Amino acid sequence: MHDPQDVSRATEALLDALANGGFEYALIGGIAVVVNGHNRYTIDVDALVWDLDVRLEELLELLKQRDIEPIAPEQSTLARQQRLVHLIWKDRTYVDVMLGFLPLERDILDHAKAMDLRDGVHAMVASPEDLVIMKLTASREKDITDVIALKELYPDLDRHRIRTIVSEYAEALERPDITENLDRWFP
């Protein structure tokens, strides 16, 4: 079983590297859902970081200094193709960093809010609305559970924006399951 303290320490190591390098970022994924108020367990850390096409090697070095390393040597090369680098903190906790470049990702960073993770630890965190968009686009079972929780916690989400963006992704990805989930949870 994963230790929640390891997730906290891995998050803090990631945040320290991002701050040290002056990177623009937002926590996303399960950790962001938790920080936004949904009490659930997560085993990894996810972040969206801007400007990594130019600064990826710099970030990787800062992360290495904090015991966060790629899970495989080819991750640096794959990251630019897949727009994601898979890392691990002290061989215990996975850390995924998305290389932001899409307009939606720019919006996510622009909408991110500074939030307290705990005393003395602050982070930029994706907004509930942007998390719903990302979670509906992924449409895995755990993502839909997060969508339901966020919808209950934040009843005033911008439904029009969510529907517009998620519909566009569903069409582009040719994923009718995304449209079905969208229609079910945001009719």
Protein backbone atom coordinates (compact mmCIF):
# COMPACT_ATOMS: atom_id res chain seq x y z
CA MET A 1 0.00 0.00 0.00
CA HIS A 2 1.19 3.51 -0.77
CA ASP A 3 2.01 5.81 2.10
CA PRO A 4 0.10 9.13 2.00
CA GLN A 5 3.15 10.74 3.62
CA ASP A 6 5.20 9.70 0.58
CA VAL A 7 2.71 11.46 -1.71
CA SER A 8 3.02 14.58 0.46
CA ARG A 9 6.82 14.45 0.41
CA ALA A 10 6.94 13.82 -3.34
CA THR A 11 4.56 16.76 -3.87
CA GLU A 12 6.74 19.02 -1.75
CA ALA A 13 9.88 17.94 -3.63
CA LEU A 14 8.17 18.67 -6.95
CA LEU A 15 6.92 22.05 -5.74
CA ASP A 16 10.38 22.96 -4.48
CA ALA A 17 11.94 22.17 -7.88
CA LEU A 18 9.26 24.12 -9.74
CA ALA A 19 9.66 27.14 -7.45
CA ASN A 20 13.45 26.98 -7.66
CA GLY A 21 13.28 27.09 -11.45
CA GLY A 22 10.51 29.68 -11.58
CA PHE A 23 8.29 27.38 -13.64
CA GLU A 24 4.65 28.17 -14.31
CA TYR A 25 2.58 25.17 -13.23
CA ALA A 26 -0.62 23.84 -11.74
CA LEU A 27 -1.21 20.68 -9.76
CA ILE A 28 -3.77 18.53 -11.54
CA GLY A 29 -5.13 15.01 -11.13
CA GLY A 30 -6.07 13.38 -7.86
CA ILE A 31 -3.95 15.65 -5.67
CA ALA A 32 -5.72 18.72 -7.11
CA VAL A 33 -9.12 17.10 -6.54
CA VAL A 34 -8.15 16.48 -2.91
CA VAL A 35 -6.91 20.06 -2.42
CA ASN A 36 -10.18 21.32 -3.93
CA GLY A 37 -12.11 19.56 -1.18
CA HIS A 38 -12.87 15.97 -2.19
CA ASN A 39 -11.68 13.61 0.52
CA ARG A 40 -10.19 10.75 -1.45
CA TYR A 41 -6.98 8.77 -1.61
CA THR A 42 -4.35 9.33 -4.30
CA ILE A 43 -1.11 7.47 -4.93
CA ASP A 44 0.68 9.84 -7.27
CA VAL A 45 1.34 13.47 -8.08
CA ASP A 46 0.38 15.14 -11.36
CA ALA A 47 1.34 18.59 -12.58
CA LEU A 48 0.96 20.63 -15.74
CA VAL A 49 4.04 22.74 -16.46
CA TRP A 50 4.45 25.43 -19.12
CA ASP A 51 7.54 26.12 -21.25
CA LEU A 52 9.12 22.68 -20.93
CA ASP A 53 9.93 22.33 -24.61
CA VAL A 54 12.84 24.67 -23.95
CA ARG A 55 13.46 23.96 -20.25
CA LEU A 56 12.80 20.23 -19.81
CA GLU A 57 16.43 19.31 -19.09
CA GLU A 58 16.65 22.12 -16.53
CA LEU A 59 13.56 20.83 -14.72
CA LEU A 60 14.80 17.23 -14.83
CA GLU A 61 18.07 18.30 -13.18
CA LEU A 62 16.21 20.22 -10.46
CA LEU A 63 14.00 17.18 -9.86
CA LYS A 64 16.99 14.82 -9.72
CA GLN A 65 18.46 16.98 -6.96
CA ARG A 66 15.25 16.26 -5.02
CA ASP A 67 15.25 12.49 -5.64
CA ILE A 68 12.67 12.61 -8.44
CA GLU A 69 13.99 10.80 -11.49
CA PRO A 70 12.59 9.50 -14.79
CA ILE A 71 11.28 5.95 -14.51
CA ALA A 72 13.30 5.05 -17.62
CA PRO A 73 16.33 6.66 -19.32
CA GLU A 74 14.37 7.39 -22.51
CA GLN A 75 11.75 9.51 -20.68
CA SER A 76 13.39 12.77 -21.72
CA THR A 77 13.07 11.88 -25.39
CA LEU A 78 9.61 10.36 -25.03
CA ALA A 79 8.37 13.37 -23.07
CA ARG A 80 8.54 15.65 -26.07
CA GLN A 81 6.58 13.18 -28.20
CA GLN A 82 4.03 12.16 -25.58
CA ARG A 83 3.82 15.59 -23.88
CA LEU A 84 4.30 13.80 -20.56
CA VAL A 85 7.29 12.72 -18.49
CA HIS A 86 6.88 9.84 -16.04
CA LEU A 87 9.02 10.16 -12.93
CA ILE A 88 9.35 8.51 -9.54
CA TRP A 89 10.32 9.96 -6.16
CA LYS A 90 12.72 7.76 -4.16
CA ASP A 91 11.45 4.66 -5.98
CA ARG A 92 8.17 5.00 -4.05
CA THR A 93 5.81 7.60 -5.49
CA TYR A 94 5.05 8.32 -9.13
CA VAL A 95 5.15 11.88 -10.39
CA ASP A 96 3.78 12.77 -13.83
CA VAL A 97 4.58 16.11 -15.43
CA MET A 98 2.57 17.22 -18.47
CA LEU A 99 4.34 19.48 -20.94
CA GLY A 100 1.78 22.20 -21.48
CA PHE A 101 1.37 23.78 -24.90
CA LEU A 102 -2.30 23.60 -25.90
CA PRO A 103 -4.66 26.59 -25.52
CA LEU A 104 -6.71 24.64 -22.94
CA GLU A 105 -3.57 23.96 -20.93
CA ARG A 106 -2.74 27.66 -21.05
CA ASP A 107 -6.25 28.35 -19.73
CA ILE A 108 -5.76 25.82 -16.93
CA LEU A 109 -2.63 27.64 -15.80
CA ASP A 110 -4.36 31.02 -16.10
CA HIS A 111 -7.29 29.81 -13.95
CA ALA A 112 -5.13 28.04 -11.34
CA LYS A 113 -5.36 29.35 -7.79
CA ALA A 114 -2.76 29.51 -5.04
CA MET A 115 -3.92 27.13 -2.33
CA ASP A 116 -2.60 25.85 0.98
CA LEU A 117 -1.72 22.17 0.96
CA ARG A 118 -0.82 22.36 4.64
CA ASP A 119 0.91 24.84 6.94
CA GLY A 120 3.75 26.45 5.05
CA VAL A 121 3.17 24.53 1.81
CA HIS A 122 1.39 26.41 -0.96
CA ALA A 123 0.82 25.47 -4.59
CA MET A 124 -0.92 26.58 -7.73
CA VAL A 125 -3.85 24.20 -8.21
CA ALA A 126 -6.14 23.70 -11.19
CA SER A 127 -9.63 25.10 -10.74
CA PRO A 128 -12.55 22.74 -10.07
CA GLU A 129 -13.99 23.62 -13.48
CA ASP A 130 -10.74 22.75 -15.29
CA LEU A 131 -10.43 19.53 -13.30
CA VAL A 132 -13.94 18.56 -14.41
CA ILE A 133 -12.96 19.23 -18.03
CA MET A 134 -9.82 17.10 -17.73
CA LYS A 135 -11.61 14.35 -15.84
CA LEU A 136 -14.52 14.17 -18.31
CA THR A 137 -12.06 14.08 -21.20
CA ALA A 138 -10.24 11.13 -19.61
CA SER A 139 -13.58 9.50 -18.63
CA ARG A 140 -12.12 6.65 -16.61
CA GLU A 141 -14.22 5.32 -13.73
CA LYS A 142 -12.16 7.13 -11.07
CA ASP A 143 -12.36 10.34 -13.13
CA ILE A 144 -16.15 10.19 -13.22
CA THR A 145 -16.19 9.70 -9.44
CA ASP A 146 -14.11 12.89 -9.15
CA VAL A 147 -16.46 14.73 -11.54
CA ILE A 148 -19.46 13.81 -9.38
CA ALA A 149 -17.69 14.98 -6.22
CA LEU A 150 -16.53 18.26 -7.77
CA LYS A 151 -20.01 18.92 -9.16
CA GLU A 152 -21.47 18.50 -5.66
CA LEU A 153 -18.76 20.65 -4.04
CA TYR A 154 -19.00 23.39 -6.69
CA PRO A 155 -22.60 23.62 -7.98
CA ASP A 156 -21.92 26.92 -9.79
CA LEU A 157 -19.43 25.53 -12.31
CA ASP A 158 -19.57 27.14 -15.77
CA ARG A 159 -21.58 24.38 -17.46
CA HIS A 160 -21.46 26.07 -20.86
CA ARG A 161 -17.65 26.22 -20.86
CA ILE A 162 -17.42 22.61 -19.66
CA ARG A 163 -19.85 21.38 -22.33
CA THR A 164 -18.17 23.36 -25.12
CA ILE A 165 -14.61 22.22 -24.39
CA VAL A 166 -15.41 18.61 -23.54
CA SER A 167 -17.65 18.27 -26.63
CA GLU A 168 -14.82 19.50 -28.84
CA TYR A 169 -12.39 16.99 -27.33
CA ALA A 170 -14.90 14.13 -27.60
CA GLU A 171 -15.41 14.90 -31.27
CA ALA A 172 -11.70 15.32 -32.03
CA LEU A 173 -10.84 12.10 -30.19
CA GLU A 174 -13.82 10.25 -31.71
CA ARG A 175 -14.86 9.13 -28.22
CA PRO A 176 -18.64 8.82 -27.86
CA ASP A 177 -18.14 7.63 -24.26
CA ILE A 178 -16.91 11.13 -23.36
CA THR A 179 -20.07 12.65 -24.87
CA GLU A 180 -22.21 10.13 -22.96
CA ASN A 181 -20.55 11.07 -19.67
CA LEU A 182 -20.87 14.77 -20.48
CA ASP A 183 -24.59 14.40 -21.26
CA ARG A 184 -25.13 12.38 -18.11
CA TRP A 185 -23.38 14.74 -15.68
CA PHE A 186 -23.82 18.11 -17.42
CA PRO A 187 -27.07 17.90 -19.44
